[in-house]
Amino acid sequence: MSYTQSKFNFTYKRNPNENIIYNTFSKALVVLEDDMYRQYETLSFVDADDKNQLVDNGILVEKTFDEMSFLKYVHYKTKFSTDILYLTIAPTLDCNFACPYCYENRRPGKMSAEVQEALISFIRESISQGVNKLHVTWYGGEPLLCLDVVGSISRKIVSLVEEKNCLLKMHLVTNGYLLTQNTIELLDEIGVTRVQVTLDGLKANHDVRRPLKSGGDTFERIIENLALFYDSPIEVLVRMNVDNQNCIDFKCLKEKIDSLGNSNMKAYASPVEDLNKDAVNHVSDFMTTDEFESFAMSACEENGLPADEFAVMDDRYAFCTSETENCYVVDDLGDFYKCWDEVGREEYRCFNILDPENKNYSIISKYLTSDPFSDERCKSCVFLPLCFGGCKYQKAHLAKSVCGFTRATLEKYLEIAFFRGQ
């Protein structure tokens, strides 16, 4: 059988006699000394076992095997799978904070009983049609403003999945201000296994960027609330929104989070993005994609891999779940959207849960038919199995091509992931 090098091999020389090959599709990494690397280049192997090892790791593939077609197959299989339902539920778009970079248009009110019942019926019907895995993320606004709704719907979901023998993952995204010991115990009781809390650096920066609507500070209260998770089994991810002004705080903030002594709690950084066209933000000095990548790699060098492990290591076959058939964000009115960044904006609504047959297929198809394999630049890119063309929202609405990979950043990431301390 004849073999050739995979088109998804990313290679670099680590030292004078060590060559790295990382396959962006199989996610396998091999280290070859110069002699073995020459055998790999010429496809002339002294020992068949060496060749077979490269074949087993996807570094070599059969000459007749069409890797691009197979990648396209698994990509579309993922997009149109109906066994997983991803639901992000915003019981309210109201919030107790007044963050200047917020991309949502806030409004008072919470999800009605009618919408709640229709949502449970939607989930039940989805399970009857073949869904066997349900991923629920509580979102907002600030979901803890409607803890009663979160609790009520969650209990009904738990009862439903237990009855139907369906797997469930439940997460929650919160600003952290309203967390109490009783709330944390309730979240554990209803099945929440991960909570994301956002901070914008240390106190001076955070309190300017994430104040209460009344104008009060929030940093110290959130830190106190994070300490309440010490004996909880819930995993906590502390996300720091960074830009060119506050990124200097990340190292000290991570140290502060680590000092809480909770092995289930990790801090990571994410870029602040200018997504709200209806608001003027005078606070943030937004990072470019290159600036954030440079910052992120420096942070990784100091602290190890981020808590939200990047696509370099996972086995996803689409950039984002919003590209998949069974993924929606539902707001307090029962409006369904494909992307978190569109929630609450009627022009991006796919349908309403009270009128589910009246669908806006132009919005739905925008995500499901976006095809990185028709892009000449993507088709020839070794990073395609990692990013699948990047963020579809930013491409569509911000005319922004998001490719977060360069040779330098991937090489640095691999060094941190596989060779840190060597």
Protein backbone atom coordinates (compact mmCIF):
# COMPACT_ATOMS: atom_id res chain seq x y z
CA MET A 1 0.00 0.00 0.00
CA SER A 2 1.36 3.45 -0.94
CA TYR A 3 1.37 6.36 1.50
CA THR A 4 2.04 10.08 1.36
CA GLN A 5 2.36 12.93 3.84
CA SER A 6 -0.91 14.33 5.16
CA LYS A 7 -1.75 17.79 3.84
CA PHE A 8 -2.60 18.75 7.43
CA ASN A 9 0.92 18.24 8.80
CA PHE A 10 2.31 21.32 10.53
CA THR A 11 6.08 21.02 10.87
CA TYR A 12 8.86 22.97 12.50
CA LYS A 13 12.39 22.36 13.74
CA ARG A 14 12.56 22.43 17.52
CA ASN A 15 16.33 22.15 17.86
CA PRO A 16 19.20 21.14 15.56
CA ASN A 17 18.27 17.43 15.65
CA GLU A 18 14.57 17.47 16.55
CA ASN A 19 11.71 17.96 14.10
CA ILE A 20 8.09 18.38 15.16
CA ILE A 21 5.15 17.19 13.07
CA TYR A 22 1.70 18.09 14.37
CA ASN A 23 -1.35 16.94 12.42
CA THR A 24 -4.14 19.48 12.76
CA PHE A 25 -6.78 16.88 11.84
CA SER A 26 -5.76 13.89 13.97
CA LYS A 27 -4.32 16.16 16.72
CA ALA A 28 -1.29 13.84 16.95
CA LEU A 29 2.22 15.17 17.50
CA VAL A 30 5.43 13.26 16.78
CA VAL A 31 9.05 14.17 17.36
CA LEU A 32 11.49 12.93 14.72
CA GLU A 33 15.26 13.12 14.75
CA ASP A 34 16.86 14.28 11.52
CA ASP A 35 17.47 10.80 10.13
CA MET A 36 13.86 9.71 10.67
CA TYR A 37 12.59 13.06 9.35
CA ARG A 38 14.50 12.48 6.11
CA GLN A 39 12.80 9.08 5.85
CA TYR A 40 9.47 10.81 6.36
CA GLU A 41 10.28 13.37 3.66
CA THR A 42 11.41 10.78 1.13
CA LEU A 43 8.89 8.12 2.21
CA SER A 44 11.76 5.63 2.36
CA PHE A 45 11.63 3.87 5.73
CA VAL A 46 14.26 1.49 7.05
CA ASP A 47 11.87 0.01 9.62
CA ALA A 48 8.23 -0.67 8.71
CA ASP A 49 7.23 -0.10 12.34
CA ASP A 50 8.35 3.53 12.06
CA LYS A 51 6.19 4.02 9.01
CA ASN A 52 3.23 2.28 10.66
CA GLN A 53 3.50 4.57 13.67
CA LEU A 54 3.19 7.61 11.42
CA VAL A 55 0.24 6.01 9.64
CA ASP A 56 -1.50 5.27 12.96
CA ASN A 57 -1.15 8.94 13.94
CA GLY A 58 -2.46 10.31 10.65
CA ILE A 59 0.92 11.77 9.71
CA LEU A 60 0.97 9.51 6.67
CA VAL A 61 -2.18 8.66 4.70
CA GLU A 62 -2.93 6.38 1.80
CA LYS A 63 -2.25 8.04 -1.53
CA THR A 64 -5.78 7.28 -2.70
CA PHE A 65 -7.37 8.76 0.44
CA ASP A 66 -9.02 12.16 -0.11
CA GLU A 67 -8.39 13.92 3.20
CA MET A 68 -10.25 17.07 2.20
CA SER A 69 -13.37 15.16 1.29
CA PHE A 70 -13.25 13.22 4.55
CA LEU A 71 -12.80 16.43 6.57
CA LYS A 72 -15.75 17.93 4.71
CA TYR A 73 -17.77 14.79 5.51
CA VAL A 74 -17.14 14.94 9.27
CA HIS A 75 -17.74 18.71 9.22
CA TYR A 76 -21.16 18.35 7.64
CA LYS A 77 -21.99 15.26 9.70
CA THR A 78 -21.37 17.43 12.78
CA LYS A 79 -23.38 20.36 11.43
CA PHE A 80 -26.46 18.31 10.63
CA SER A 81 -26.35 15.87 13.53
CA THR A 82 -29.65 15.68 15.40
CA ASP A 83 -28.58 13.65 18.43
CA ILE A 84 -27.35 16.69 20.42
CA LEU A 85 -29.44 19.74 21.31
CA TYR A 86 -27.52 22.86 22.37
CA LEU A 87 -29.75 25.39 24.13
CA THR A 88 -28.60 28.68 25.60
CA ILE A 89 -31.47 30.07 27.69
CA ALA A 90 -31.73 33.73 28.67
CA PRO A 91 -34.63 33.97 31.16
CA THR A 92 -34.19 37.75 31.07
CA LEU A 93 -32.24 40.33 29.08
CA ASP A 94 -32.27 42.63 32.08
CA CYS A 95 -29.05 43.08 34.03
CA ASN A 96 -27.92 44.66 37.28
CA PHE A 97 -24.68 45.81 35.63
CA ALA A 98 -24.03 48.64 33.17
CA CYS A 99 -20.98 47.43 31.21
CA PRO A 100 -20.13 49.96 28.48
CA TYR A 101 -19.09 47.29 25.96
CA CYS A 102 -22.23 45.16 26.35
CA TYR A 103 -23.50 44.07 22.93
CA GLU A 104 -27.06 43.36 24.07
CA ASN A 105 -29.95 45.81 24.07
CA ARG A 106 -31.24 45.46 27.62
CA ARG A 107 -34.91 45.28 28.51
CA PRO A 108 -36.84 44.56 31.71
CA GLY A 109 -39.00 41.51 32.22
CA LYS A 110 -38.54 37.77 32.49
CA MET A 111 -39.65 34.62 30.69
CA SER A 112 -43.38 34.02 31.07
CA ALA A 113 -44.92 30.75 32.24
CA GLU A 114 -46.33 30.25 28.73
CA VAL A 115 -42.89 30.50 27.13
CA GLN A 116 -41.40 28.25 29.81
CA GLU A 117 -43.94 25.50 29.12
CA ALA A 118 -43.47 25.85 25.35
CA LEU A 119 -39.71 25.52 25.84
CA ILE A 120 -40.11 22.30 27.84
CA SER A 121 -42.43 20.99 25.11
CA PHE A 122 -39.78 21.87 22.51
CA ILE A 123 -37.15 19.91 24.42
CA ARG A 124 -39.51 16.95 24.87
CA GLU A 125 -40.30 16.92 21.15
CA SER A 126 -36.60 17.17 20.28
CA ILE A 127 -35.86 14.13 22.44
CA SER A 128 -38.69 12.20 20.78
CA GLN A 129 -37.08 12.98 17.41
CA GLY A 130 -33.72 11.48 18.37
CA VAL A 131 -31.88 13.89 20.68
CA ASN A 132 -30.00 11.90 23.32
CA LYS A 133 -27.64 14.59 24.61
CA LEU A 134 -28.77 17.98 25.89
CA HIS A 135 -26.38 20.86 26.60
CA VAL A 136 -28.04 23.75 28.46
CA THR A 137 -26.34 27.05 29.27
CA TRP A 138 -28.11 29.66 31.39
CA TYR A 139 -27.35 33.12 30.07
CA GLY A 140 -28.69 36.68 30.04
CA GLY A 141 -28.79 39.55 30.77
CA GLU A 142 -28.09 38.28 34.24
CA PRO A 143 -29.80 34.91 34.76
CA LEU A 144 -29.60 35.09 38.56
CA LEU A 145 -32.10 37.97 38.46
CA CYS A 146 -34.56 35.20 37.56
CA LEU A 147 -33.33 32.40 39.79
CA ASP A 148 -36.92 31.17 40.17
CA VAL A 149 -37.18 30.64 36.40
CA VAL A 150 -33.75 28.97 36.27
CA GLY A 151 -34.74 26.61 39.06
CA SER A 152 -38.18 25.79 37.70
CA ILE A 153 -37.09 25.04 34.13
CA SER A 154 -33.98 23.17 35.26
CA ARG A 155 -35.97 20.81 37.47
CA LYS A 156 -38.36 20.07 34.62
CA ILE A 157 -35.44 19.44 32.26
CA VAL A 158 -33.75 17.11 34.77
CA SER A 159 -37.01 15.18 35.24
CA LEU A 160 -37.48 14.94 31.48
CA VAL A 161 -33.99 13.68 30.66
CA GLU A 162 -34.12 11.13 33.49
CA GLU A 163 -37.43 9.85 32.14
CA LYS A 164 -36.09 9.64 28.58
CA ASN A 165 -32.60 8.39 29.54
CA CYS A 166 -30.97 11.43 27.90
CA LEU A 167 -27.55 12.81 28.87
CA LEU A 168 -27.49 16.36 30.26
CA LYS A 169 -24.82 19.02 30.72
CA MET A 170 -25.87 22.27 32.36
CA HIS A 171 -23.75 25.41 32.69
CA LEU A 172 -24.43 28.99 33.80
CA VAL A 173 -22.89 32.34 32.82
CA THR A 174 -23.20 35.08 35.44
CA ASN A 175 -21.57 38.34 36.45
CA GLY A 176 -21.20 36.79 39.92
CA TYR A 177 -22.65 39.65 41.96
CA LEU A 178 -25.81 37.83 43.10
CA LEU A 179 -24.16 34.56 44.05
CA THR A 180 -24.80 33.40 47.62
CA GLN A 181 -24.16 30.16 49.46
CA ASN A 182 -27.81 29.18 49.06
CA THR A 183 -27.72 30.00 45.34
CA ILE A 184 -24.60 27.87 44.79
CA GLU A 185 -26.23 24.96 46.62
CA LEU A 186 -29.35 25.38 44.47
CA LEU A 187 -27.28 25.39 41.26
CA ASP A 188 -25.61 22.16 42.35
CA GLU A 189 -29.00 20.64 43.22
CA ILE A 190 -30.52 21.39 39.81
CA GLY A 191 -27.55 19.96 37.92
CA VAL A 192 -25.34 22.93 37.03
CA THR A 193 -21.78 21.57 36.75
CA ARG A 194 -19.95 24.67 35.48
CA VAL A 195 -20.31 28.37 36.22
CA GLN A 196 -18.56 31.14 34.30
CA VAL A 197 -18.00 34.42 36.14
CA THR A 198 -16.60 37.50 34.42
CA LEU A 199 -14.06 39.93 35.84
CA ASP A 200 -12.34 42.74 33.98
CA GLY A 201 -9.05 42.78 35.81
CA LEU A 202 -8.25 44.02 39.28
CA LYS A 203 -10.48 46.36 41.26
CA ALA A 204 -9.52 49.67 39.65
CA ASN A 205 -10.15 48.50 36.10
CA HIS A 206 -13.02 46.15 36.85
CA ASP A 207 -15.14 48.64 38.78
CA VAL A 208 -14.97 51.15 35.93
CA ARG A 209 -15.91 48.57 33.32
CA ARG A 210 -18.45 46.50 35.23
CA PRO A 211 -20.32 48.80 37.62
CA LEU A 212 -23.82 48.30 38.97
CA LYS A 213 -26.57 50.12 37.11
CA SER A 214 -26.83 52.25 40.25
CA GLY A 215 -23.16 53.13 39.88
CA GLY A 216 -21.75 51.01 42.71
CA ASP A 217 -18.56 48.96 42.67
CA THR A 218 -18.70 45.19 42.16
CA PHE A 219 -15.20 43.70 42.33
CA GLU A 220 -14.88 42.97 46.05
CA ARG A 221 -18.36 41.46 46.24
CA ILE A 222 -17.64 39.10 43.34
CA ILE A 223 -14.33 37.96 44.85
CA GLU A 224 -16.14 37.25 48.14
CA ASN A 225 -18.78 35.28 46.25
CA LEU A 226 -16.16 33.25 44.38
CA ALA A 227 -14.75 32.11 47.72
CA LEU A 228 -18.15 30.53 48.47
CA PHE A 229 -17.44 27.82 45.87
CA TYR A 230 -14.61 26.37 47.97
CA ASP A 231 -16.52 23.24 49.03
CA SER A 232 -18.71 23.04 45.93
CA PRO A 233 -18.24 20.39 43.21
CA ILE A 234 -19.14 23.00 40.58
CA GLU A 235 -16.31 23.93 38.21
CA VAL A 236 -15.78 27.70 38.03
CA LEU A 237 -14.20 29.49 35.09
CA VAL A 238 -13.27 33.10 35.79
CA ARG A 239 -13.19 34.87 32.46
CA MET A 240 -11.25 38.12 32.23
CA ASN A 241 -12.32 40.34 29.35
CA VAL A 242 -9.11 41.92 28.11
CA ASP A 243 -8.14 44.80 25.88
CA ASN A 244 -4.99 46.87 25.46
CA GLN A 245 -5.73 48.89 28.59
CA ASN A 246 -6.46 46.24 31.22
CA CYS A 247 -4.51 43.18 29.98
CA ILE A 248 -1.67 44.02 32.35
CA ASP A 249 -3.96 42.92 35.21
CA PHE A 250 -4.33 39.32 34.06
CA LYS A 251 -1.31 37.84 35.83
CA CYS A 252 -2.20 39.39 39.19
CA LEU A 253 -5.88 38.53 38.81
CA LYS A 254 -5.00 34.90 38.11
CA GLU A 255 -2.81 34.88 41.21
CA LYS A 256 -5.72 36.29 43.23
CA ILE A 257 -8.06 33.59 41.92
CA ASP A 258 -5.46 30.88 42.58
CA SER A 259 -5.05 32.19 46.14
CA LEU A 260 -8.66 31.17 46.86
CA GLY A 261 -7.32 27.62 46.96
CA ASN A 262 -10.07 26.05 44.86
CA SER A 263 -8.72 23.44 42.44
CA ASN A 264 -12.07 23.59 40.58
CA MET A 265 -11.57 27.28 39.76
CA LYS A 266 -9.48 28.55 36.85
CA ALA A 267 -8.97 31.96 35.24
CA TYR A 268 -8.63 32.60 31.52
CA ALA A 269 -8.66 35.61 29.20
CA SER A 270 -10.97 36.52 26.33
CA PRO A 271 -10.92 39.63 24.14
CA VAL A 272 -13.44 42.45 24.58
CA GLU A 273 -15.18 42.85 21.23
CA ASP A 274 -16.94 45.85 19.75
CA LEU A 275 -20.22 44.17 18.80
CA ASN A 276 -22.93 46.69 19.69
CA LYS A 277 -23.49 49.03 16.77
CA ASP A 278 -26.06 50.96 18.81
CA ALA A 279 -23.69 52.03 21.59
CA VAL A 280 -20.49 54.06 21.82
CA ASN A 281 -17.85 52.56 24.10
CA HIS A 282 -15.39 55.06 25.55
CA VAL A 283 -13.79 52.54 27.92
CA SER A 284 -12.13 49.84 25.85
CA ASP A 285 -9.09 49.99 23.60
CA PHE A 286 -10.01 46.89 21.61
CA MET A 287 -7.31 44.40 20.67
CA THR A 288 -6.84 43.26 17.11
CA THR A 289 -6.82 39.50 16.54
CA ASP A 290 -3.01 39.59 16.30
CA GLU A 291 -2.71 41.63 19.51
CA PHE A 292 -4.87 39.19 21.45
CA GLU A 293 -3.00 36.18 20.07
CA SER A 294 0.28 37.73 21.16
CA PHE A 295 -1.12 38.45 24.63
CA ALA A 296 -2.65 34.97 24.95
CA MET A 297 0.58 33.22 24.01
CA SER A 298 2.53 35.29 26.52
CA ALA A 299 -0.02 34.43 29.20
CA CYS A 300 0.27 30.73 28.31
CA GLU A 301 4.04 30.89 28.57
CA GLU A 302 3.73 32.24 32.11
CA ASN A 303 0.76 30.22 33.33
CA GLY A 304 0.45 27.10 31.19
CA LEU A 305 -2.54 26.19 29.06
CA PRO A 306 -5.71 28.25 29.44
CA ALA A 307 -8.71 26.86 31.31
CA ASP A 308 -10.79 26.89 28.13
CA GLU A 309 -8.54 24.63 26.08
CA PHE A 310 -8.21 25.85 22.55
CA ALA A 311 -9.20 24.02 19.37
CA VAL A 312 -5.59 22.93 18.93
CA MET A 313 -6.33 20.02 21.27
CA ASP A 314 -10.02 19.18 20.95
CA ASP A 315 -11.87 17.13 18.37
CA ARG A 316 -14.56 19.56 17.26
CA TYR A 317 -15.42 19.60 13.58
CA ALA A 318 -17.01 23.05 13.32
CA PHE A 319 -15.84 26.44 14.55
CA CYS A 320 -18.87 26.92 16.79
CA THR A 321 -22.03 25.06 17.77
CA SER A 322 -24.08 27.89 16.22
CA GLU A 323 -23.27 26.25 12.87
CA THR A 324 -25.05 23.05 13.89
CA GLU A 325 -28.66 22.08 13.18
CA ASN A 326 -29.75 21.74 16.81
CA CYS A 327 -28.24 24.83 18.40
CA TYR A 328 -30.23 27.86 19.51
CA VAL A 329 -30.22 30.77 21.93
CA VAL A 330 -33.68 31.49 23.34
CA ASP A 331 -34.55 34.76 25.07
CA ASP A 332 -37.24 35.78 27.56
CA LEU A 333 -39.83 36.31 24.82
CA GLY A 334 -39.28 32.85 23.39
CA ASP A 335 -37.39 34.16 20.36
CA PHE A 336 -34.78 31.72 19.03
CA TYR A 337 -31.43 32.83 17.58
CA LYS A 338 -28.40 30.98 16.27
CA CYS A 339 -25.71 33.05 17.99
CA TRP A 340 -25.22 34.60 21.45
CA ASP A 341 -24.15 37.84 19.80
CA GLU A 342 -27.55 38.19 18.10
CA VAL A 343 -29.82 37.54 21.05
CA GLY A 344 -32.56 40.12 21.56
CA ARG A 345 -32.20 41.60 18.08
CA GLU A 346 -35.42 40.87 16.22
CA GLU A 347 -33.83 41.11 12.78
CA TYR A 348 -31.76 38.00 13.60
CA ARG A 349 -34.62 35.94 15.05
CA CYS A 350 -35.03 32.44 13.59
CA PHE A 351 -38.49 31.80 15.04
CA ASN A 352 -40.56 32.18 18.20
CA ILE A 353 -41.33 29.19 20.39
CA LEU A 354 -45.04 30.11 20.41
CA ASP A 355 -45.10 30.04 16.60
CA PRO A 356 -42.36 27.51 15.72
CA GLU A 357 -43.53 26.82 12.17
CA ASN A 358 -42.94 30.43 11.10
CA LYS A 359 -39.19 30.21 10.56
CA ASN A 360 -36.77 32.72 9.09
CA TYR A 361 -34.76 30.32 6.94
CA SER A 362 -32.50 33.04 5.59
CA ILE A 363 -31.03 33.46 9.06
CA ILE A 364 -30.86 29.74 9.81
CA SER A 365 -29.29 28.86 6.47
CA LYS A 366 -26.66 31.59 6.87
CA TYR A 367 -25.03 29.50 9.60
CA LEU A 368 -25.77 26.01 8.30
CA THR A 369 -24.60 26.56 4.73
CA SER A 370 -21.51 28.64 5.39
CA ASP A 371 -18.82 26.56 3.72
CA PRO A 372 -15.09 26.96 4.42
CA PHE A 373 -14.40 24.37 1.70
CA SER A 374 -15.53 26.82 -0.97
CA ASP A 375 -12.97 29.38 0.19
CA GLU A 376 -9.71 28.95 -1.75
CA ARG A 377 -7.66 30.36 1.11
CA CYS A 378 -9.22 27.95 3.63
CA LYS A 379 -8.92 24.92 1.36
CA SER A 380 -5.18 25.35 1.09
CA CYS A 381 -4.65 26.14 4.79
CA VAL A 382 -3.07 23.63 7.16
CA PHE A 383 -5.14 25.20 9.97
CA LEU A 384 -8.51 24.34 8.39
CA PRO A 385 -9.25 21.40 10.77
CA LEU A 386 -8.71 23.78 13.69
CA CYS A 387 -10.84 26.78 12.72
CA PHE A 388 -13.17 25.69 9.90
CA GLY A 389 -13.26 29.21 8.52
CA GLY A 390 -13.58 31.11 11.78
CA CYS A 391 -16.52 32.95 13.37
CA LYS A 392 -19.50 33.16 11.03
CA TYR A 393 -21.10 36.01 12.98
CA GLN A 394 -18.05 38.23 12.64
CA LYS A 395 -17.69 37.41 8.96
CA ALA A 396 -21.34 38.22 8.27
CA HIS A 397 -21.83 41.29 10.44
CA LEU A 398 -18.40 42.79 10.98
CA ALA A 399 -16.80 41.93 7.62
CA LYS A 400 -14.03 40.39 9.70
CA SER A 401 -12.15 37.28 8.68
CA VAL A 402 -11.21 35.57 11.89
CA CYS A 403 -8.29 33.22 11.51
CA GLY A 404 -6.55 33.04 14.85
CA PHE A 405 -3.60 30.97 13.68
CA THR A 406 -0.17 31.81 12.39
CA ARG A 407 2.87 29.58 12.19
CA ALA A 408 4.43 31.45 15.09
CA THR A 409 1.42 31.21 17.43
CA LEU A 410 0.72 27.54 16.75
CA GLU A 411 4.39 26.66 17.21
CA LYS A 412 4.41 28.53 20.52
CA TYR A 413 1.21 26.86 21.64
CA LEU A 414 2.56 23.39 20.87
CA GLU A 415 5.72 24.16 22.79
CA ILE A 416 3.62 25.11 25.82
CA ALA A 417 1.23 22.18 25.44
CA PHE A 418 3.79 19.43 24.92
CA PHE A 419 7.23 20.64 25.98
CA ARG A 420 6.70 23.09 28.83
CA GLY A 421 9.61 22.88 31.26
CA GLN A 422 11.84 20.91 28.86
